Amino acid sequence: MINIGVIGVGYWGPNLVRNFTAQPDCNVLLVADAKDDRRNFITANYPKTTAVAEGNELIDDSRIDAVVIATPVRFHFELAKRALQ
């Protein structure tokens, strides 16, 4: 089982969460989004997934095996760099 974290659940993020959740070998453990309404959407629709406000909280979680970044492009580099480190 691969534990996945998704950063950003605005436009593309919910599609990624849905598709990863549908895979038998994937577990979307955490999602991160700064907006309350997006976190509430995930919590309401994916009760096994925890929503947090900060991407770094997701990256720092030792249970996460893979990080998916679905934020505006200007945030990709710093988040990807931190996830890889």
C-alpha atoms as a PDB file:
ATOM      1  CA  MET A   1       0.000   0.000   0.000  1.00  0.00           C
ATOM      2  CA  ILE A   2       1.344   3.417  -1.001  1.00  0.00           C
ATOM      3  CA  ASN A   3       0.387   6.287   1.301  1.00  0.00           C
ATOM      4  CA  ILE A   4      -0.123   9.414  -0.770  1.00  0.00           C
ATOM      5  CA  GLY A   5      -0.300  13.060   0.205  1.00  0.00           C
ATOM      6  CA  VAL A   6      -1.827  15.630  -2.147  1.00  0.00           C
ATOM      7  CA  ILE A   7      -0.922  19.296  -1.775  1.00  0.00           C
ATOM      8  CA  GLY A   8      -3.599  21.507  -3.284  1.00  0.00           C
ATOM      9  CA  VAL A   9      -7.195  20.428  -3.740  1.00  0.00           C
ATOM     10  CA  GLY A  10      -8.548  23.353  -5.694  1.00  0.00           C
ATOM     11  CA  TYR A  11      -8.970  22.688  -9.420  1.00  0.00           C
ATOM     12  CA  TRP A  12      -7.048  19.484 -10.278  1.00  0.00           C
ATOM     13  CA  GLY A  13      -6.490  18.183  -6.758  1.00  0.00           C
ATOM     14  CA  PRO A  14      -9.940  16.652  -6.230  1.00  0.00           C
ATOM     15  CA  ASN A  15      -9.577  14.702  -9.488  1.00  0.00           C
ATOM     16  CA  LEU A  16      -6.220  13.362  -8.330  1.00  0.00           C
ATOM     17  CA  VAL A  17      -7.630  12.414  -4.932  1.00  0.00           C
ATOM     18  CA  ARG A  18     -10.554  10.622  -6.596  1.00  0.00           C
ATOM     19  CA  ASN A  19      -8.298   8.703  -9.007  1.00  0.00           C
ATOM     20  CA  PHE A  20      -5.721   7.691  -6.404  1.00  0.00           C
ATOM     21  CA  THR A  21      -8.483   6.666  -3.985  1.00  0.00           C
ATOM     22  CA  ALA A  22      -9.913   4.369  -6.662  1.00  0.00           C
ATOM     23  CA  GLN A  23      -6.631   2.443  -6.947  1.00  0.00           C
ATOM     24  CA  PRO A  24      -6.479  -0.661  -4.755  1.00  0.00           C
ATOM     25  CA  ASP A  25      -2.806  -0.147  -3.877  1.00  0.00           C
ATOM     26  CA  CYS A  26      -3.104   3.559  -2.958  1.00  0.00           C
ATOM     27  CA  ASN A  27      -4.221   5.264   0.211  1.00  0.00           C
ATOM     28  CA  VAL A  28      -4.700   9.040   0.109  1.00  0.00           C
ATOM     29  CA  LEU A  29      -3.710   9.596   3.704  1.00  0.00           C
ATOM     30  CA  LEU A  30      -3.393  13.395   3.776  1.00  0.00           C
ATOM     31  CA  VAL A  31      -4.290  16.404   1.699  1.00  0.00           C
ATOM     32  CA  ALA A  32      -3.152  19.967   2.303  1.00  0.00           C
ATOM     33  CA  ASP A  33      -4.856  23.152   1.263  1.00  0.00           C
ATOM     34  CA  ALA A  34      -4.831  26.639   2.745  1.00  0.00           C
ATOM     35  CA  LYS A  35      -8.556  27.149   2.149  1.00  0.00           C
ATOM     36  CA  ASP A  36     -11.045  25.890   4.737  1.00  0.00           C
ATOM     37  CA  ASP A  37     -13.732  25.139   2.160  1.00  0.00           C
ATOM     38  CA  ARG A  38     -11.408  22.869   0.151  1.00  0.00           C
ATOM     39  CA  ARG A  39     -10.345  20.967   3.276  1.00  0.00           C
ATOM     40  CA  ASN A  40     -14.006  20.629   4.288  1.00  0.00           C
ATOM     41  CA  PHE A  41     -14.845  19.268   0.831  1.00  0.00           C
ATOM     42  CA  ILE A  42     -12.214  16.544   1.170  1.00  0.00           C
ATOM     43  CA  THR A  43     -13.264  15.666   4.720  1.00  0.00           C
ATOM     44  CA  ALA A  44     -16.913  15.394   3.671  1.00  0.00           C
ATOM     45  CA  ASN A  45     -16.238  13.306   0.557  1.00  0.00           C
ATOM     46  CA  TYR A  46     -13.241  11.202   1.652  1.00  0.00           C
ATOM     47  CA  PRO A  47     -13.684  10.341   5.344  1.00  0.00           C
ATOM     48  CA  LYS A  48     -10.509   8.209   5.429  1.00  0.00           C
ATOM     49  CA  THR A  49      -8.400  11.191   4.316  1.00  0.00           C
ATOM     50  CA  THR A  50      -7.186  13.844   6.741  1.00  0.00           C
ATOM     51  CA  ALA A  51      -7.049  17.447   5.551  1.00  0.00           C
ATOM     52  CA  VAL A  52      -4.430  19.870   6.879  1.00  0.00           C
ATOM     53  CA  ALA A  53      -3.727  23.533   6.127  1.00  0.00           C
ATOM     54  CA  GLU A  54       0.010  23.381   5.450  1.00  0.00           C
ATOM     55  CA  GLY A  55       1.841  21.430   2.764  1.00  0.00           C
ATOM     56  CA  ASN A  56       4.876  21.173   5.024  1.00  0.00           C
ATOM     57  CA  GLU A  57       2.835  19.259   7.582  1.00  0.00           C
ATOM     58  CA  LEU A  58       2.081  16.686   4.905  1.00  0.00           C
ATOM     59  CA  ILE A  59       5.700  16.569   3.673  1.00  0.00           C
ATOM     60  CA  ASP A  60       6.985  16.103   7.246  1.00  0.00           C
ATOM     61  CA  ASP A  61       4.672  13.164   7.955  1.00  0.00           C
ATOM     62  CA  SER A  62       6.785   9.993   7.921  1.00  0.00           C
ATOM     63  CA  ARG A  63       3.788   7.895   6.843  1.00  0.00           C
ATOM     64  CA  ILE A  64       3.662   9.569   3.411  1.00  0.00           C
ATOM     65  CA  ASP A  65       5.371   7.587   0.627  1.00  0.00           C
ATOM     66  CA  ALA A  66       4.557   9.898  -2.295  1.00  0.00           C
ATOM     67  CA  VAL A  67       3.701  13.586  -2.551  1.00  0.00           C
ATOM     68  CA  VAL A  68       1.477  14.881  -5.356  1.00  0.00           C
ATOM     69  CA  ILE A  69       1.641  18.632  -5.966  1.00  0.00           C
ATOM     70  CA  ALA A  70      -1.468  20.221  -7.456  1.00  0.00           C
ATOM     71  CA  THR A  71      -0.905  23.854  -6.556  1.00  0.00           C
ATOM     72  CA  PRO A  72      -0.463  26.887  -8.771  1.00  0.00           C
ATOM     73  CA  VAL A  73       2.807  26.508 -10.703  1.00  0.00           C
ATOM     74  CA  ARG A  74       4.606  29.255  -8.771  1.00  0.00           C
ATOM     75  CA  PHE A  75       4.604  27.010  -5.675  1.00  0.00           C
ATOM     76  CA  HIS A  76       5.781  23.777  -7.343  1.00  0.00           C
ATOM     77  CA  PHE A  77       9.537  24.217  -7.111  1.00  0.00           C
ATOM     78  CA  GLU A  78       9.766  24.935  -3.384  1.00  0.00           C
ATOM     79  CA  LEU A  79       7.289  22.207  -2.469  1.00  0.00           C
ATOM     80  CA  ALA A  80       8.926  19.620  -4.729  1.00  0.00           C
ATOM     81  CA  LYS A  81      12.391  20.528  -3.471  1.00  0.00           C
ATOM     82  CA  ARG A  82      11.301  20.192   0.138  1.00  0.00           C
ATOM     83  CA  ALA A  83       9.517  16.885  -0.532  1.00  0.00           C
ATOM     84  CA  LEU A  84      12.591  15.438  -2.201  1.00  0.00           C
ATOM     85  CA  GLN A  85      14.851  16.481   0.659  1.00  0.00           C
END
